[in-house]
Amino acid sequence: MIHLDAAADGRSVAVAVGDLVELVLEEPRGGGYQWSFELPDGLRQVDQEQPGGPVGAPGTLGRRTLRMTVARPGRHVMRARLGRPWEAEPVRVLTVVLDAR
């Protein structure tokens, strides 16, 4: 399994077809902010874990985990957007390139 976090933003990561990739991102709790993901055809989402437990005060951080498999070779650009569903623009966008061979 290949583990990624927010430090992977803007990077290209070498992977192999069939690899399981896990992306873990901190998500503010209590303010409506959520990560959403845009995956290209070459990546298949396996599952997604949302932050659990009590929400706590606004600004408390939880972790959202996305797991995906690499389905085919090529250059796959994945984007994650942190925002509120009712707002047009995200407050943060992360981009990671998975270079599958």
C-alpha atoms as a PDB file:
ATOM      1  CA  MET A   1       0.000   0.000   0.000  1.00  0.00           C
ATOM      2  CA  ILE A   2       1.197   3.491  -0.870  1.00  0.00           C
ATOM      3  CA  HIS A   3       0.383   6.088   1.817  1.00  0.00           C
ATOM      4  CA  LEU A   4      -0.064   9.754   0.830  1.00  0.00           C
ATOM      5  CA  ASP A   5      -1.085  12.868   2.735  1.00  0.00           C
ATOM      6  CA  ALA A   6      -1.284  16.623   2.085  1.00  0.00           C
ATOM      7  CA  ALA A   7       2.506  16.748   1.607  1.00  0.00           C
ATOM      8  CA  ALA A   8       1.963  14.958  -1.740  1.00  0.00           C
ATOM      9  CA  ASP A   9       0.283  18.076  -3.160  1.00  0.00           C
ATOM     10  CA  GLY A  10       1.914  19.036  -6.468  1.00  0.00           C
ATOM     11  CA  ARG A  11       4.043  15.897  -6.598  1.00  0.00           C
ATOM     12  CA  SER A  12       4.245  13.051  -9.044  1.00  0.00           C
ATOM     13  CA  VAL A  13       4.297   9.619  -7.418  1.00  0.00           C
ATOM     14  CA  ALA A  14       5.462   6.452  -9.190  1.00  0.00           C
ATOM     15  CA  VAL A  15       3.005   3.569  -8.787  1.00  0.00           C
ATOM     16  CA  ALA A  16       2.307   0.239 -10.474  1.00  0.00           C
ATOM     17  CA  VAL A  17      -0.927  -1.043 -11.951  1.00  0.00           C
ATOM     18  CA  GLY A  18      -2.755  -2.895  -9.176  1.00  0.00           C
ATOM     19  CA  ASP A  19      -1.241  -0.821  -6.339  1.00  0.00           C
ATOM     20  CA  LEU A  20      -3.512   0.244  -3.498  1.00  0.00           C
ATOM     21  CA  VAL A  21      -3.089   3.956  -2.744  1.00  0.00           C
ATOM     22  CA  GLU A  22      -4.306   5.549   0.491  1.00  0.00           C
ATOM     23  CA  LEU A  23      -4.717   9.325   0.761  1.00  0.00           C
ATOM     24  CA  VAL A  24      -5.263  10.680   4.298  1.00  0.00           C
ATOM     25  CA  LEU A  25      -6.253  14.345   4.691  1.00  0.00           C
ATOM     26  CA  GLU A  26      -7.037  16.370   7.776  1.00  0.00           C
ATOM     27  CA  GLU A  27     -10.534  17.806   7.690  1.00  0.00           C
ATOM     28  CA  PRO A  28     -11.818  20.614   9.952  1.00  0.00           C
ATOM     29  CA  ARG A  29     -14.822  19.492  11.985  1.00  0.00           C
ATOM     30  CA  GLY A  30     -17.892  21.478  12.915  1.00  0.00           C
ATOM     31  CA  GLY A  31     -17.751  24.052  10.094  1.00  0.00           C
ATOM     32  CA  GLY A  32     -19.243  22.113   7.203  1.00  0.00           C
ATOM     33  CA  TYR A  33     -15.948  21.643   5.356  1.00  0.00           C
ATOM     34  CA  GLN A  34     -15.455  18.315   3.578  1.00  0.00           C
ATOM     35  CA  TRP A  35     -12.958  16.863   1.141  1.00  0.00           C
ATOM     36  CA  SER A  36     -14.350  15.748  -2.207  1.00  0.00           C
ATOM     37  CA  PHE A  37     -12.329  13.823  -4.768  1.00  0.00           C
ATOM     38  CA  GLU A  38     -12.011  13.885  -8.540  1.00  0.00           C
ATOM     39  CA  LEU A  39     -10.524  10.640  -9.826  1.00  0.00           C
ATOM     40  CA  PRO A  40      -9.620   9.961 -13.461  1.00  0.00           C
ATOM     41  CA  ASP A  41     -10.729   6.769 -15.215  1.00  0.00           C
ATOM     42  CA  GLY A  42      -7.427   5.011 -14.452  1.00  0.00           C
ATOM     43  CA  LEU A  43      -8.064   5.089 -10.686  1.00  0.00           C
ATOM     44  CA  ARG A  44     -10.849   3.170  -8.926  1.00  0.00           C
ATOM     45  CA  GLN A  45     -12.113   4.155  -5.504  1.00  0.00           C
ATOM     46  CA  VAL A  46     -12.102   1.218  -3.089  1.00  0.00           C
ATOM     47  CA  ASP A  47     -13.521   2.974  -0.040  1.00  0.00           C
ATOM     48  CA  GLN A  48     -13.612   6.210   1.904  1.00  0.00           C
ATOM     49  CA  GLU A  49     -13.571   6.737   5.663  1.00  0.00           C
ATOM     50  CA  GLN A  50     -15.077   9.902   7.069  1.00  0.00           C
ATOM     51  CA  PRO A  51     -13.943  11.500  10.310  1.00  0.00           C
ATOM     52  CA  GLY A  52     -15.769   9.796  13.151  1.00  0.00           C
ATOM     53  CA  GLY A  53     -16.507  10.490  16.777  1.00  0.00           C
ATOM     54  CA  PRO A  54     -17.771  13.676  18.382  1.00  0.00           C
ATOM     55  CA  VAL A  55     -17.444  16.824  16.308  1.00  0.00           C
ATOM     56  CA  GLY A  56     -15.991  19.021  19.048  1.00  0.00           C
ATOM     57  CA  ALA A  57     -15.341  22.725  18.691  1.00  0.00           C
ATOM     58  CA  PRO A  58     -15.089  24.315  15.238  1.00  0.00           C
ATOM     59  CA  GLY A  59     -11.578  23.875  13.936  1.00  0.00           C
ATOM     60  CA  THR A  60     -11.098  20.464  15.553  1.00  0.00           C
ATOM     61  CA  LEU A  61      -9.427  18.215  12.982  1.00  0.00           C
ATOM     62  CA  GLY A  62     -10.561  14.794  11.846  1.00  0.00           C
ATOM     63  CA  ARG A  63      -9.100  12.618   9.113  1.00  0.00           C
ATOM     64  CA  ARG A  64     -10.734  11.610   5.853  1.00  0.00           C
ATOM     65  CA  THR A  65      -9.167   8.577   4.178  1.00  0.00           C
ATOM     66  CA  LEU A  66      -9.614   7.657   0.515  1.00  0.00           C
ATOM     67  CA  ARG A  67      -8.371   4.315  -0.794  1.00  0.00           C
ATOM     68  CA  MET A  68      -8.079   3.638  -4.502  1.00  0.00           C
ATOM     69  CA  THR A  69      -6.482   1.115  -6.828  1.00  0.00           C
ATOM     70  CA  VAL A  70      -4.495   1.880  -9.951  1.00  0.00           C
ATOM     71  CA  ALA A  71      -6.487   0.265 -12.771  1.00  0.00           C
ATOM     72  CA  ARG A  72      -4.289   0.962 -15.784  1.00  0.00           C
ATOM     73  CA  PRO A  73      -0.943   2.442 -16.792  1.00  0.00           C
ATOM     74  CA  GLY A  74      -0.552   6.117 -17.549  1.00  0.00           C
ATOM     75  CA  ARG A  75      -0.412   9.528 -15.935  1.00  0.00           C
ATOM     76  CA  HIS A  76      -3.398   9.940 -13.602  1.00  0.00           C
ATOM     77  CA  VAL A  77      -4.137  13.385 -12.151  1.00  0.00           C
ATOM     78  CA  MET A  78      -6.170  13.196  -8.950  1.00  0.00           C
ATOM     79  CA  ARG A  79      -7.664  16.294  -7.296  1.00  0.00           C
ATOM     80  CA  ALA A  80      -9.012  16.776  -3.785  1.00  0.00           C
ATOM     81  CA  ARG A  81     -11.090  19.823  -2.914  1.00  0.00           C
ATOM     82  CA  LEU A  82     -11.810  21.082   0.593  1.00  0.00           C
ATOM     83  CA  GLY A  83     -14.969  23.131   0.794  1.00  0.00           C
ATOM     84  CA  ARG A  84     -18.534  23.433   1.914  1.00  0.00           C
ATOM     85  CA  PRO A  85     -21.102  21.759  -0.342  1.00  0.00           C
ATOM     86  CA  TRP A  86     -23.191  24.944  -0.552  1.00  0.00           C
ATOM     87  CA  GLU A  87     -20.291  27.200  -1.597  1.00  0.00           C
ATOM     88  CA  ALA A  88     -19.145  27.460  -5.211  1.00  0.00           C
ATOM     89  CA  GLU A  89     -15.377  27.581  -4.612  1.00  0.00           C
ATOM     90  CA  PRO A  90     -13.240  25.313  -2.417  1.00  0.00           C
ATOM     91  CA  VAL A  91     -10.883  26.820   0.162  1.00  0.00           C
ATOM     92  CA  ARG A  92      -8.108  24.404  -0.826  1.00  0.00           C
ATOM     93  CA  VAL A  93      -7.307  22.187  -3.793  1.00  0.00           C
ATOM     94  CA  LEU A  94      -4.655  19.454  -3.756  1.00  0.00           C
ATOM     95  CA  THR A  95      -3.369  17.837  -6.929  1.00  0.00           C
ATOM     96  CA  VAL A  96      -1.386  14.586  -7.017  1.00  0.00           C
ATOM     97  CA  VAL A  97      -0.163  12.849 -10.171  1.00  0.00           C
ATOM     98  CA  LEU A  98       0.078   9.069 -10.035  1.00  0.00           C
ATOM     99  CA  ASP A  99       2.465   7.856 -12.733  1.00  0.00           C
ATOM    100  CA  ALA A 100       1.504   4.216 -13.255  1.00  0.00           C
ATOM    101  CA  ARG A 101       3.692   1.748 -15.084  1.00  0.00           C
END
